[in-house]
């Protein structure tokens, strides 16, 4: 087990029993069933509005540029940003804790004690790849400080192992370790 990423964060007597990282590349979630069509409609409306404003004259077309930029980010850019953020993320399960290390855009470290874990959910997809969520999910429509986390899994405020291989086996390992912790 390569615990090099976490060696300076381990407690005395603690050992890594699993480590991993999220899947690379574009990641589609269940929320995208709503977000993708909405973002396409947003972009279509903004382009229609910009065309109308440009033909009417008066400089109102420039007013729409921030909305175009937002629409492009919302439609396409958020997938690239999410992939970049996930590229700097590492996960570990020790005999005592869940560890999440994020290095992008700035360094952050999350530690969850196995004997005090909140609700753990596993969602599994094709080939066993899945996500483990440690706590309740953030609602798509609850904008209570969630920010961009409703659009990008890597910014979700709930600690989670995103798109890891063999998610069910890692879930079972956490359950086993939490019984002995």
Protein backbone atom coordinates (compact mmCIF):
# COMPACT_ATOMS: atom_id res chain seq x y z
CA UNK A 1 0.00 0.00 0.00
CA UNK A 2 1.51 3.33 -1.05
CA UNK A 3 0.85 5.74 1.79
CA UNK A 4 3.44 8.31 0.65
CA UNK A 5 0.78 10.93 -0.03
CA UNK A 6 -0.45 10.66 3.56
CA UNK A 7 2.65 9.59 5.50
CA UNK A 8 3.07 12.98 7.20
CA UNK A 9 -0.61 13.03 8.22
CA UNK A 10 -0.88 9.62 9.85
CA UNK A 11 -1.38 9.37 13.61
CA UNK A 12 0.84 7.12 15.77
CA UNK A 13 -0.18 3.49 15.18
CA UNK A 14 -2.28 4.39 12.13
CA UNK A 15 -1.78 2.58 8.82
CA UNK A 16 -3.26 2.99 5.36
CA UNK A 17 -5.41 0.02 4.30
CA UNK A 18 -6.56 1.52 0.97
CA UNK A 19 -5.60 4.52 -1.12
CA UNK A 20 -6.86 5.77 -4.44
CA UNK A 21 -7.82 8.70 -6.59
CA UNK A 22 -10.86 9.79 -8.58
CA UNK A 23 -11.33 8.85 -12.21
CA UNK A 24 -9.75 11.17 -14.76
CA UNK A 25 -11.49 13.03 -17.55
CA UNK A 26 -15.08 14.13 -18.01
CA UNK A 27 -17.44 12.80 -15.37
CA UNK A 28 -21.19 12.83 -15.87
CA UNK A 29 -23.48 12.60 -12.84
CA UNK A 30 -27.22 12.24 -12.38
CA UNK A 31 -27.49 16.02 -12.00
CA UNK A 32 -26.30 16.46 -15.58
CA UNK A 33 -29.62 15.04 -16.82
CA UNK A 34 -31.04 18.42 -15.76
CA UNK A 35 -27.96 20.66 -16.02
CA UNK A 36 -26.97 19.85 -19.62
CA UNK A 37 -30.37 20.62 -21.21
CA UNK A 38 -30.69 23.73 -19.01
CA UNK A 39 -27.25 24.97 -20.05
CA UNK A 40 -28.07 24.42 -23.73
CA UNK A 41 -31.31 26.39 -23.34
CA UNK A 42 -29.40 29.14 -21.50
CA UNK A 43 -26.83 29.43 -24.29
CA UNK A 44 -29.50 29.38 -26.99
CA UNK A 45 -31.43 32.16 -25.27
CA UNK A 46 -28.30 34.28 -24.79
CA UNK A 47 -27.25 33.87 -28.43
CA UNK A 48 -30.78 34.76 -29.55
CA UNK A 49 -30.79 37.81 -27.26
CA UNK A 50 -27.30 38.88 -28.40
CA UNK A 51 -28.33 38.61 -32.05
CA UNK A 52 -31.44 40.69 -31.40
CA UNK A 53 -29.45 43.29 -29.44
CA UNK A 54 -26.77 43.48 -32.13
CA UNK A 55 -29.29 44.04 -34.91
CA UNK A 56 -31.13 46.67 -32.85
CA UNK A 57 -27.89 48.60 -32.27
CA UNK A 58 -27.21 50.81 -29.29
CA UNK A 59 -24.37 48.77 -27.77
CA UNK A 60 -26.59 46.39 -25.80
CA UNK A 61 -24.88 43.38 -27.38
CA UNK A 62 -21.82 43.95 -25.16
CA UNK A 63 -24.05 43.64 -22.11
CA UNK A 64 -24.65 39.99 -23.03
CA UNK A 65 -20.97 38.96 -23.16
CA UNK A 66 -20.80 37.96 -19.47
CA UNK A 67 -23.91 35.84 -19.99
CA UNK A 68 -22.29 34.14 -22.98
CA UNK A 69 -19.15 33.47 -20.92
CA UNK A 70 -21.25 32.03 -18.10
CA UNK A 71 -23.22 29.89 -20.54
CA UNK A 72 -20.04 28.49 -22.11
CA UNK A 73 -18.60 27.68 -18.70
CA UNK A 74 -21.89 26.14 -17.58
CA UNK A 75 -22.18 24.05 -20.78
CA UNK A 76 -18.59 22.96 -21.35
CA UNK A 77 -16.02 24.56 -19.08
CA UNK A 78 -17.27 23.11 -15.82
CA UNK A 79 -16.37 19.60 -17.00
CA UNK A 80 -12.75 20.61 -17.65
CA UNK A 81 -12.46 22.47 -14.33
CA UNK A 82 -13.94 19.50 -12.47
CA UNK A 83 -11.49 17.09 -14.16
CA UNK A 84 -8.57 19.39 -13.30
CA UNK A 85 -9.68 19.61 -9.65
CA UNK A 86 -10.11 15.82 -9.39
CA UNK A 87 -6.60 15.36 -10.82
CA UNK A 88 -5.16 16.86 -7.64
CA UNK A 89 -7.24 14.75 -5.25
CA UNK A 90 -6.15 11.65 -3.31
CA UNK A 91 -8.10 9.39 -0.95
CA UNK A 92 -7.13 6.97 1.79
CA UNK A 93 -8.78 4.69 4.29
CA UNK A 94 -6.74 3.93 7.39
CA UNK A 95 -7.47 1.63 10.27
CA UNK A 96 -8.86 4.74 12.07
CA UNK A 97 -9.91 7.43 9.58
CA UNK A 98 -11.07 8.47 6.12
CA UNK A 99 -8.56 10.90 4.55
CA UNK A 100 -9.14 13.25 1.61
CA UNK A 101 -6.29 15.39 0.29
CA UNK A 102 -7.03 18.07 -2.32
CA UNK A 103 -4.19 20.01 -3.92
CA UNK A 104 -6.13 22.13 -6.41
CA UNK A 105 -6.88 25.06 -6.48
CA UNK A 106 -5.34 25.20 -3.00
CA UNK A 107 -4.36 22.52 -0.55
CA UNK A 108 -7.00 21.17 1.83
CA UNK A 109 -7.16 18.08 4.00
CA UNK A 110 -10.25 16.34 5.40
CA UNK A 111 -10.18 13.66 8.07
CA UNK A 112 -13.20 11.69 9.24
CA UNK A 113 -12.97 9.37 12.25
CA UNK A 114 -14.27 5.89 11.41
CA UNK A 115 -16.06 5.58 14.74
CA UNK A 116 -17.94 8.85 14.08
CA UNK A 117 -18.78 8.53 10.40
CA UNK A 118 -22.02 10.08 9.21
CA UNK A 119 -24.28 8.19 6.84
CA UNK A 120 -22.17 6.53 4.11
CA UNK A 121 -23.76 6.09 0.68
CA UNK A 122 -22.33 4.12 -2.18
CA UNK A 123 -23.47 4.67 -5.75
CA UNK A 124 -22.04 2.22 -8.23
CA UNK A 125 -21.97 2.37 -11.99
CA UNK A 126 -20.69 0.23 -14.81
CA UNK A 127 -17.57 -1.78 -14.08
CA UNK A 128 -17.77 -1.16 -10.34
CA UNK A 129 -16.70 2.47 -10.56
CA UNK A 130 -18.64 4.58 -8.12
CA UNK A 131 -18.77 7.28 -5.48
CA UNK A 132 -18.80 7.00 -1.70
CA UNK A 133 -20.50 9.94 0.01
CA UNK A 134 -19.93 10.59 3.71
CA UNK A 135 -23.07 12.53 4.65
CA UNK A 136 -26.23 13.80 3.02
CA UNK A 137 -25.99 15.08 -0.57
CA UNK A 138 -26.33 18.76 -1.41
CA UNK A 139 -29.64 19.41 -3.15
CA UNK A 140 -29.50 20.66 -6.73
CA UNK A 141 -31.94 23.43 -5.84
CA UNK A 142 -30.57 24.42 -2.40
CA UNK A 143 -28.26 27.35 -3.01
CA UNK A 144 -27.49 27.85 0.68
CA UNK A 145 -23.79 28.53 0.28
CA UNK A 146 -23.25 25.54 -2.01
CA UNK A 147 -21.81 27.75 -4.78
CA UNK A 148 -20.47 25.85 -7.77
CA UNK A 149 -20.69 22.53 -5.93
CA UNK A 150 -24.10 21.84 -7.48
CA UNK A 151 -22.42 21.84 -10.90
CA UNK A 152 -19.09 20.15 -10.17
CA UNK A 153 -18.75 16.99 -8.05
CA UNK A 154 -15.22 17.94 -6.97
CA UNK A 155 -16.53 21.09 -5.25
CA UNK A 156 -19.35 19.36 -3.37
CA UNK A 157 -19.27 20.33 0.31
CA UNK A 158 -20.02 16.75 1.42
CA UNK A 159 -16.83 14.67 1.82
CA UNK A 160 -16.73 11.92 -0.78
CA UNK A 161 -14.59 9.52 -2.77
CA UNK A 162 -15.60 10.47 -6.32
CA UNK A 163 -15.60 7.94 -9.18
CA UNK A 164 -13.26 5.38 -7.63
CA UNK A 165 -12.76 1.88 -9.02
CA UNK A 166 -14.25 -1.00 -7.01
CA UNK A 167 -16.42 1.35 -4.97
CA UNK A 168 -18.41 -1.47 -3.36
CA UNK A 169 -15.24 -3.18 -2.11
CA UNK A 170 -13.98 0.11 -0.63
CA UNK A 171 -17.38 0.62 1.02
CA UNK A 172 -17.18 -2.89 2.52
CA UNK A 173 -13.62 -2.20 3.69
CA UNK A 174 -14.76 1.00 5.44
CA UNK A 175 -17.61 -0.88 7.11
CA UNK A 176 -15.16 -3.55 8.29
CA UNK A 177 -12.63 -0.99 9.56
CA UNK A 178 -15.32 1.03 11.35
CA UNK A 179 -16.39 -2.07 13.31
CA UNK A 180 -12.83 -2.61 14.54
CA UNK A 181 -12.02 1.09 15.15
